[in-house]
Amino acid sequence: MLRRAATPLGALAGVAAAWAYVATVNPNHPGHYPVCPFLYLTGWYCPACGGLRSAYAVAHGQFGAAVHDNVLAVIGYGAAAVLWVLWLSREVRGRPQRIQVPRAVWWGLGAVVLIFTVVRNVPFGAALAP
């Protein structure tokens, strides 16, 4: 059983190390992380802008601040956690790791990300900006 769980647990260790780093090195203070190239080149927030700040806030239990910094990233953190649990449970039970996602779901997700990006960069969507 432990052998089957090794890959998901190894991935969890890597993600936990990244979260530990973000939790200890505050992205709200300039100079610790590179500037978003999309923001630098265009002046627009990309869909991931504010993601490090939201991860820092989640790591410190500040969920309101995390949602303010990047609501889409916070939803992504939850989705990633659910998918990891599914991955681990399927590996431990010896089931194949085949999750079929319909093409329409991918198109819908892309549309949500595109709409989120545009809305957070226009005046009426300023609440979504980090």
Protein backbone atom coordinates (compact mmCIF):
# COMPACT_ATOMS: atom_id res chain seq x y z
CA MET A 1 0.00 0.00 0.00
CA LEU A 2 2.78 2.45 0.88
CA ARG A 3 4.51 1.74 -2.41
CA ARG A 4 1.36 2.71 -4.35
CA ALA A 5 1.00 5.89 -2.30
CA ALA A 6 4.62 6.96 -2.83
CA THR A 7 4.01 9.15 -5.89
CA PRO A 8 1.03 11.11 -4.49
CA LEU A 9 2.83 11.48 -1.16
CA GLY A 10 5.99 12.67 -2.93
CA ALA A 11 3.93 15.24 -4.85
CA LEU A 12 2.35 16.34 -1.56
CA ALA A 13 5.82 16.77 -0.02
CA GLY A 14 6.86 19.02 -2.91
CA VAL A 15 3.69 21.10 -2.69
CA ALA A 16 4.03 21.33 1.10
CA ALA A 17 7.62 22.56 0.72
CA ALA A 18 6.49 25.24 -1.74
CA TRP A 19 3.66 26.32 0.57
CA ALA A 20 6.06 26.40 3.54
CA TYR A 21 8.38 28.69 1.59
CA VAL A 22 5.54 31.02 0.60
CA ALA A 23 4.27 30.97 4.19
CA THR A 24 7.64 32.12 5.50
CA VAL A 25 8.69 34.54 2.74
CA ASN A 26 6.00 37.21 2.54
CA PRO A 27 5.12 38.07 -1.08
CA ASN A 28 3.61 41.37 0.12
CA HIS A 29 7.14 42.71 0.59
CA PRO A 30 8.85 43.53 -2.72
CA GLY A 31 12.08 41.89 -3.79
CA HIS A 32 11.42 38.28 -2.80
CA TYR A 33 9.65 37.08 -5.93
CA PRO A 34 9.94 38.08 -9.60
CA VAL A 35 7.41 40.47 -11.09
CA CYS A 36 4.67 38.90 -13.22
CA PRO A 37 5.92 39.20 -16.82
CA PHE A 38 2.38 39.73 -18.15
CA LEU A 39 1.78 42.58 -15.69
CA TYR A 40 5.20 44.04 -16.43
CA LEU A 41 4.70 43.98 -20.21
CA THR A 42 1.01 44.94 -20.44
CA GLY A 43 0.07 46.63 -17.17
CA TRP A 44 -2.83 44.15 -16.88
CA TYR A 45 -3.27 41.57 -14.13
CA CYS A 46 -3.01 38.01 -15.40
CA PRO A 47 -5.32 35.33 -13.93
CA ALA A 48 -2.55 34.29 -11.53
CA CYS A 49 -1.64 37.77 -10.27
CA GLY A 50 -2.14 37.83 -6.53
CA GLY A 51 -1.85 34.04 -6.32
CA LEU A 52 1.27 34.09 -4.13
CA ARG A 53 -0.31 36.66 -1.83
CA SER A 54 -3.45 34.55 -1.60
CA ALA A 55 -1.39 31.43 -0.82
CA TYR A 56 0.43 33.37 1.90
CA ALA A 57 -2.92 34.48 3.33
CA VAL A 58 -4.33 30.92 3.25
CA ALA A 59 -1.20 29.62 4.98
CA HIS A 60 -1.83 32.16 7.76
CA GLY A 61 -5.57 31.46 8.00
CA GLN A 62 -6.59 34.81 6.49
CA PHE A 63 -9.21 33.51 4.07
CA GLY A 64 -10.86 36.88 3.45
CA ALA A 65 -7.54 38.37 2.38
CA ALA A 66 -6.84 35.29 0.24
CA VAL A 67 -10.14 35.65 -1.60
CA HIS A 68 -9.48 39.36 -2.11
CA ASP A 69 -6.00 38.72 -3.54
CA ASN A 70 -7.14 36.07 -6.05
CA VAL A 71 -10.47 34.30 -5.68
CA LEU A 72 -9.74 32.05 -8.66
CA ALA A 73 -6.50 30.83 -7.06
CA VAL A 74 -8.30 30.04 -3.79
CA ILE A 75 -10.85 27.96 -5.71
CA GLY A 76 -7.91 26.28 -7.45
CA TYR A 77 -6.27 25.41 -4.13
CA GLY A 78 -9.45 23.67 -3.01
CA ALA A 79 -9.85 21.86 -6.32
CA ALA A 80 -6.22 20.72 -6.22
CA ALA A 81 -6.69 19.36 -2.70
CA VAL A 82 -9.80 17.40 -3.73
CA LEU A 83 -8.05 16.01 -6.81
CA TRP A 84 -5.03 15.01 -4.71
CA VAL A 85 -7.27 13.10 -2.27
CA LEU A 86 -8.94 11.33 -5.21
CA TRP A 87 -5.52 10.51 -6.66
CA LEU A 88 -4.24 9.10 -3.37
CA SER A 89 -7.38 7.04 -2.73
CA ARG A 90 -7.34 5.57 -6.25
CA GLU A 91 -3.64 4.72 -6.01
CA VAL A 92 -4.01 3.06 -2.61
CA ARG A 93 -6.93 0.95 -3.87
CA GLY A 94 -5.00 -0.01 -7.02
CA ARG A 95 -7.45 1.60 -9.44
CA PRO A 96 -6.15 3.13 -12.65
CA GLN A 97 -5.66 6.89 -12.57
CA ARG A 98 -7.92 7.74 -15.50
CA ILE A 99 -10.18 10.70 -14.96
CA GLN A 100 -11.96 11.63 -18.17
CA VAL A 101 -12.80 15.32 -18.35
CA PRO A 102 -15.17 16.28 -21.15
CA ARG A 103 -13.85 18.79 -23.65
CA ALA A 104 -16.70 21.17 -22.77
CA VAL A 105 -15.41 21.38 -19.19
CA TRP A 106 -11.99 22.51 -20.42
CA TRP A 107 -13.58 25.10 -22.71
CA GLY A 108 -15.76 26.30 -19.83
CA LEU A 109 -12.78 26.57 -17.52
CA GLY A 110 -10.87 28.52 -20.17
CA ALA A 111 -13.84 30.86 -20.59
CA VAL A 112 -14.03 31.46 -16.82
CA VAL A 113 -10.30 32.27 -16.67
CA LEU A 114 -10.57 34.60 -19.67
CA ILE A 115 -13.62 36.41 -18.27
CA PHE A 116 -11.97 36.67 -14.84
CA THR A 117 -8.85 38.18 -16.44
CA VAL A 118 -10.78 40.76 -18.42
CA VAL A 119 -13.18 41.72 -15.61
CA ARG A 120 -10.42 42.23 -13.03
CA ASN A 121 -8.73 44.68 -15.39
CA VAL A 122 -11.71 46.96 -16.08
CA PRO A 123 -13.04 49.62 -13.68
CA PHE A 124 -16.24 47.81 -12.63
CA GLY A 125 -14.21 44.69 -11.74
CA ALA A 126 -11.65 46.48 -9.61
CA ALA A 127 -12.73 44.42 -6.58
CA LEU A 128 -11.19 41.36 -8.26
CA ALA A 129 -7.79 43.05 -8.71
CA PRO A 130 -5.12 42.05 -6.21
